[in-house]
Amino acid sequence: MDTLELTHSDCLALVCSHDHSHTAMIAIDGGRPRPVACFVREGGDVLVPTGTDPSLTRAATGRPVTISFGGERSSWTITGVGLARPLGHHDRPRLPHVLALRYAFDNGILVRIARLSGHRFTDTAPIPAQRDASAAPARPQRGASPGASSMR
């Protein structure tokens, strides 16, 4: 497999084209990554709602955060780095499917992404030659002698 470098705008287009809701890996200040549900805004900033749990907000506010999108079933991997701040009421997304989760945005962080970078994996396996109309030569059978008859 070959990899293709993605620009910031390529990464933003990929992340926003696959719906705005994602599961991502988040690492606070170089710590151990953990999976989170998140929402990507049009400009690339990432909302990470935590509902009634304020622990992520306390741990991440004012610190650098690394967010990685993609995974095993994805043909691309995107990483963003930015600073976290607590979610405010005005930060809630205005999309219908997110409005059903209005209490999910009571706590959480907004990560102001400075830059997105990524890779797209391409499969460059050689394409086999097309078959022509001629018949392929038959392979000799094992154990058969050259002059033996195939019928018994």
C-alpha atoms as a PDB file:
ATOM      1  CA  MET A   1       0.000   0.000   0.000  1.00  0.00           C
ATOM      2  CA  ASP A   2       1.140   3.503  -0.788  1.00  0.00           C
ATOM      3  CA  THR A   3       0.270   6.594   1.212  1.00  0.00           C
ATOM      4  CA  LEU A   4      -0.768   9.959  -0.124  1.00  0.00           C
ATOM      5  CA  GLU A   5      -0.205  13.087   1.992  1.00  0.00           C
ATOM      6  CA  LEU A   6      -3.359  15.135   2.627  1.00  0.00           C
ATOM      7  CA  THR A   7      -3.415  18.923   3.009  1.00  0.00           C
ATOM      8  CA  HIS A   8      -5.395  20.744   5.696  1.00  0.00           C
ATOM      9  CA  SER A   9      -8.223  21.459   3.248  1.00  0.00           C
ATOM     10  CA  ASP A  10      -8.243  17.810   2.025  1.00  0.00           C
ATOM     11  CA  CYS A  11      -8.514  16.617   5.629  1.00  0.00           C
ATOM     12  CA  LEU A  12     -11.303  19.067   6.406  1.00  0.00           C
ATOM     13  CA  ALA A  13     -13.256  17.975   3.325  1.00  0.00           C
ATOM     14  CA  LEU A  14     -12.895  14.282   4.275  1.00  0.00           C
ATOM     15  CA  VAL A  15     -13.878  14.727   7.908  1.00  0.00           C
ATOM     16  CA  CYS A  16     -16.883  16.913   7.075  1.00  0.00           C
ATOM     17  CA  SER A  17     -18.078  14.791   4.139  1.00  0.00           C
ATOM     18  CA  HIS A  18     -18.652  11.690   6.298  1.00  0.00           C
ATOM     19  CA  ASP A  19     -21.319  13.346   8.452  1.00  0.00           C
ATOM     20  CA  HIS A  20     -20.119  15.637  11.211  1.00  0.00           C
ATOM     21  CA  SER A  21     -20.357  13.072  14.030  1.00  0.00           C
ATOM     22  CA  HIS A  22     -17.357  10.825  14.564  1.00  0.00           C
ATOM     23  CA  THR A  23     -15.635   8.526  16.973  1.00  0.00           C
ATOM     24  CA  ALA A  24     -12.060   9.655  17.466  1.00  0.00           C
ATOM     25  CA  MET A  25      -9.054   9.095  19.690  1.00  0.00           C
ATOM     26  CA  ILE A  26      -8.152  12.040  21.912  1.00  0.00           C
ATOM     27  CA  ALA A  27      -4.908  12.596  23.844  1.00  0.00           C
ATOM     28  CA  ILE A  28      -4.562  15.470  26.306  1.00  0.00           C
ATOM     29  CA  ASP A  29      -1.113  17.059  26.541  1.00  0.00           C
ATOM     30  CA  GLY A  30       0.632  13.972  25.130  1.00  0.00           C
ATOM     31  CA  GLY A  31      -1.200  11.577  27.466  1.00  0.00           C
ATOM     32  CA  ARG A  32      -2.681   8.191  26.694  1.00  0.00           C
ATOM     33  CA  PRO A  33      -5.272   8.335  23.856  1.00  0.00           C
ATOM     34  CA  ARG A  34      -8.858   7.365  24.604  1.00  0.00           C
ATOM     35  CA  PRO A  35     -11.909   7.026  22.359  1.00  0.00           C
ATOM     36  CA  VAL A  36     -14.554   9.761  22.367  1.00  0.00           C
ATOM     37  CA  ALA A  37     -17.631  10.712  20.403  1.00  0.00           C
ATOM     38  CA  CYS A  38     -17.200  14.104  18.789  1.00  0.00           C
ATOM     39  CA  PHE A  39     -18.703  16.566  16.343  1.00  0.00           C
ATOM     40  CA  VAL A  40     -16.618  18.395  13.710  1.00  0.00           C
ATOM     41  CA  ARG A  41     -17.605  21.926  12.745  1.00  0.00           C
ATOM     42  CA  GLU A  42     -17.279  23.268   9.193  1.00  0.00           C
ATOM     43  CA  GLY A  43     -14.088  25.167  10.067  1.00  0.00           C
ATOM     44  CA  GLY A  44     -12.429  22.108  11.596  1.00  0.00           C
ATOM     45  CA  ASP A  45     -12.942  22.816  15.305  1.00  0.00           C
ATOM     46  CA  VAL A  46     -14.050  19.750  17.263  1.00  0.00           C
ATOM     47  CA  LEU A  47     -16.764  19.533  19.927  1.00  0.00           C
ATOM     48  CA  VAL A  48     -16.371  16.706  22.446  1.00  0.00           C
ATOM     49  CA  PRO A  49     -19.535  16.463  24.580  1.00  0.00           C
ATOM     50  CA  THR A  50     -19.386  14.592  27.884  1.00  0.00           C
ATOM     51  CA  GLY A  51     -22.930  14.986  29.213  1.00  0.00           C
ATOM     52  CA  THR A  52     -22.935  15.174  33.000  1.00  0.00           C
ATOM     53  CA  ASP A  53     -19.246  14.247  33.433  1.00  0.00           C
ATOM     54  CA  PRO A  54     -17.027  17.345  33.875  1.00  0.00           C
ATOM     55  CA  SER A  55     -13.742  15.399  34.258  1.00  0.00           C
ATOM     56  CA  LEU A  56     -12.637  15.850  30.610  1.00  0.00           C
ATOM     57  CA  THR A  57     -13.355  19.577  30.836  1.00  0.00           C
ATOM     58  CA  ARG A  58     -11.214  19.910  33.962  1.00  0.00           C
ATOM     59  CA  ALA A  59      -8.381  17.812  32.528  1.00  0.00           C
ATOM     60  CA  ALA A  60      -8.198  19.420  29.068  1.00  0.00           C
ATOM     61  CA  THR A  61      -9.036  23.123  29.469  1.00  0.00           C
ATOM     62  CA  GLY A  62      -6.130  25.276  28.310  1.00  0.00           C
ATOM     63  CA  ARG A  63      -4.016  22.289  27.281  1.00  0.00           C
ATOM     64  CA  PRO A  64      -2.930  20.981  23.868  1.00  0.00           C
ATOM     65  CA  VAL A  65      -5.140  18.187  22.576  1.00  0.00           C
ATOM     66  CA  THR A  66      -4.448  15.749  19.748  1.00  0.00           C
ATOM     67  CA  ILE A  67      -7.425  14.205  17.956  1.00  0.00           C
ATOM     68  CA  SER A  68      -7.102  11.333  15.471  1.00  0.00           C
ATOM     69  CA  PHE A  69      -9.822  10.259  13.044  1.00  0.00           C
ATOM     70  CA  GLY A  70      -9.900   7.123  10.944  1.00  0.00           C
ATOM     71  CA  GLY A  71      -9.098   3.612  11.970  1.00  0.00           C
ATOM     72  CA  GLU A  72      -8.967   0.027  10.843  1.00  0.00           C
ATOM     73  CA  ARG A  73     -11.852   0.181   8.335  1.00  0.00           C
ATOM     74  CA  SER A  74     -10.957   3.580   6.954  1.00  0.00           C
ATOM     75  CA  SER A  75      -8.742   4.322   3.962  1.00  0.00           C
ATOM     76  CA  TRP A  76      -7.531   7.544   5.588  1.00  0.00           C
ATOM     77  CA  THR A  77      -6.114   8.773   8.898  1.00  0.00           C
ATOM     78  CA  ILE A  78      -6.377  12.398   9.988  1.00  0.00           C
ATOM     79  CA  THR A  79      -4.795  14.053  13.019  1.00  0.00           C
ATOM     80  CA  GLY A  80      -5.520  17.501  14.396  1.00  0.00           C
ATOM     81  CA  VAL A  81      -3.831  19.446  17.176  1.00  0.00           C
ATOM     82  CA  GLY A  82      -5.312  22.379  19.044  1.00  0.00           C
ATOM     83  CA  LEU A  83      -6.132  23.961  22.406  1.00  0.00           C
ATOM     84  CA  ALA A  84      -9.166  22.958  24.441  1.00  0.00           C
ATOM     85  CA  ARG A  85     -11.667  25.210  26.173  1.00  0.00           C
ATOM     86  CA  PRO A  86     -14.934  24.386  27.958  1.00  0.00           C
ATOM     87  CA  LEU A  87     -18.076  24.092  25.840  1.00  0.00           C
ATOM     88  CA  GLY A  88     -20.434  27.042  26.043  1.00  0.00           C
ATOM     89  CA  HIS A  89     -24.167  27.099  25.323  1.00  0.00           C
ATOM     90  CA  HIS A  90     -23.543  28.856  21.983  1.00  0.00           C
ATOM     91  CA  ASP A  91     -21.172  26.044  20.897  1.00  0.00           C
ATOM     92  CA  ARG A  92     -23.966  23.467  20.533  1.00  0.00           C
ATOM     93  CA  PRO A  93     -24.487  22.291  16.946  1.00  0.00           C
ATOM     94  CA  ARG A  94     -27.776  23.245  15.332  1.00  0.00           C
ATOM     95  CA  LEU A  95     -28.405  20.029  13.397  1.00  0.00           C
ATOM     96  CA  PRO A  96     -31.630  18.023  13.972  1.00  0.00           C
ATOM     97  CA  HIS A  97     -29.962  14.726  14.943  1.00  0.00           C
ATOM     98  CA  VAL A  98     -27.774  16.542  17.479  1.00  0.00           C
ATOM     99  CA  LEU A  99     -30.680  18.458  19.036  1.00  0.00           C
ATOM    100  CA  ALA A 100     -32.006  15.152  20.355  1.00  0.00           C
ATOM    101  CA  LEU A 101     -28.802  14.932  22.421  1.00  0.00           C
ATOM    102  CA  ARG A 102     -29.075  18.385  23.956  1.00  0.00           C
ATOM    103  CA  TYR A 103     -27.979  17.296  27.449  1.00  0.00           C
ATOM    104  CA  ALA A 104     -24.882  15.638  26.016  1.00  0.00           C
ATOM    105  CA  PHE A 105     -23.461  19.131  25.437  1.00  0.00           C
ATOM    106  CA  ASP A 106     -23.882  20.291  29.067  1.00  0.00           C
ATOM    107  CA  ASN A 107     -20.190  19.501  29.665  1.00  0.00           C
ATOM    108  CA  GLY A 108     -17.311  18.898  27.335  1.00  0.00           C
ATOM    109  CA  ILE A 109     -14.634  20.706  25.397  1.00  0.00           C
ATOM    110  CA  LEU A 110     -14.229  22.633  22.184  1.00  0.00           C
ATOM    111  CA  VAL A 111     -10.846  21.986  20.574  1.00  0.00           C
ATOM    112  CA  ARG A 112      -9.731  24.921  18.426  1.00  0.00           C
ATOM    113  CA  ILE A 113      -7.819  22.974  15.773  1.00  0.00           C
ATOM    114  CA  ALA A 114      -4.694  24.747  14.568  1.00  0.00           C
ATOM    115  CA  ARG A 115      -3.956  22.330  11.723  1.00  0.00           C
ATOM    116  CA  LEU A 116      -5.173  19.044  10.307  1.00  0.00           C
ATOM    117  CA  SER A 117      -2.816  16.637   8.588  1.00  0.00           C
ATOM    118  CA  GLY A 118      -3.355  13.161   7.276  1.00  0.00           C
ATOM    119  CA  HIS A 119      -2.687  10.271   4.932  1.00  0.00           C
ATOM    120  CA  ARG A 120      -4.834   8.368   2.497  1.00  0.00           C
ATOM    121  CA  PHE A 121      -3.866   4.784   1.860  1.00  0.00           C
ATOM    122  CA  THR A 122      -4.017   3.669  -1.763  1.00  0.00           C
ATOM    123  CA  ASP A 123      -3.896   0.129  -3.021  1.00  0.00           C
ATOM    124  CA  THR A 124      -1.514   0.006  -5.955  1.00  0.00           C
ATOM    125  CA  ALA A 125      -1.474  -3.733  -6.540  1.00  0.00           C
ATOM    126  CA  PRO A 126      -0.632  -4.593 -10.144  1.00  0.00           C
ATOM    127  CA  ILE A 127      -3.620  -5.224 -12.377  1.00  0.00           C
ATOM    128  CA  PRO A 128      -3.433  -8.658 -14.002  1.00  0.00           C
ATOM    129  CA  ALA A 129      -3.347  -8.838 -17.799  1.00  0.00           C
ATOM    130  CA  GLN A 130      -6.648  -9.417 -19.541  1.00  0.00           C
ATOM    131  CA  ARG A 131      -7.371 -12.826 -20.965  1.00  0.00           C
ATOM    132  CA  ASP A 132      -7.506 -13.232 -24.698  1.00  0.00           C
ATOM    133  CA  ALA A 133      -9.715 -15.556 -26.734  1.00  0.00           C
ATOM    134  CA  SER A 134      -7.110 -18.324 -26.965  1.00  0.00           C
ATOM    135  CA  ALA A 135      -7.356 -21.345 -24.716  1.00  0.00           C
ATOM    136  CA  ALA A 136      -4.804 -21.643 -21.948  1.00  0.00           C
ATOM    137  CA  PRO A 137      -2.572 -24.721 -22.148  1.00  0.00           C
ATOM    138  CA  ALA A 138      -3.644 -27.502 -19.798  1.00  0.00           C
ATOM    139  CA  ARG A 139      -1.283 -28.455 -17.011  1.00  0.00           C
ATOM    140  CA  PRO A 140      -0.139 -32.100 -16.918  1.00  0.00           C
ATOM    141  CA  GLN A 141      -1.809 -34.238 -14.269  1.00  0.00           C
ATOM    142  CA  ARG A 142       0.262 -35.596 -11.414  1.00  0.00           C
ATOM    143  CA  GLY A 143       1.281 -39.188 -11.505  1.00  0.00           C
ATOM    144  CA  ALA A 144       0.157 -39.792 -15.067  1.00  0.00           C
ATOM    145  CA  SER A 145       2.698 -41.369 -17.383  1.00  0.00           C
ATOM    146  CA  PRO A 146       3.120 -39.720 -20.787  1.00  0.00           C
ATOM    147  CA  GLY A 147       1.713 -42.665 -22.776  1.00  0.00           C
ATOM    148  CA  ALA A 148      -0.941 -43.879 -20.303  1.00  0.00           C
ATOM    149  CA  SER A 149      -4.610 -43.734 -21.172  1.00  0.00           C
ATOM    150  CA  SER A 150      -6.871 -41.764 -18.859  1.00  0.00           C
ATOM    151  CA  MET A 151      -9.698 -44.383 -19.085  1.00  0.00           C
ATOM    152  CA  ARG A 152      -9.550 -47.672 -17.246  1.00  0.00           C
END
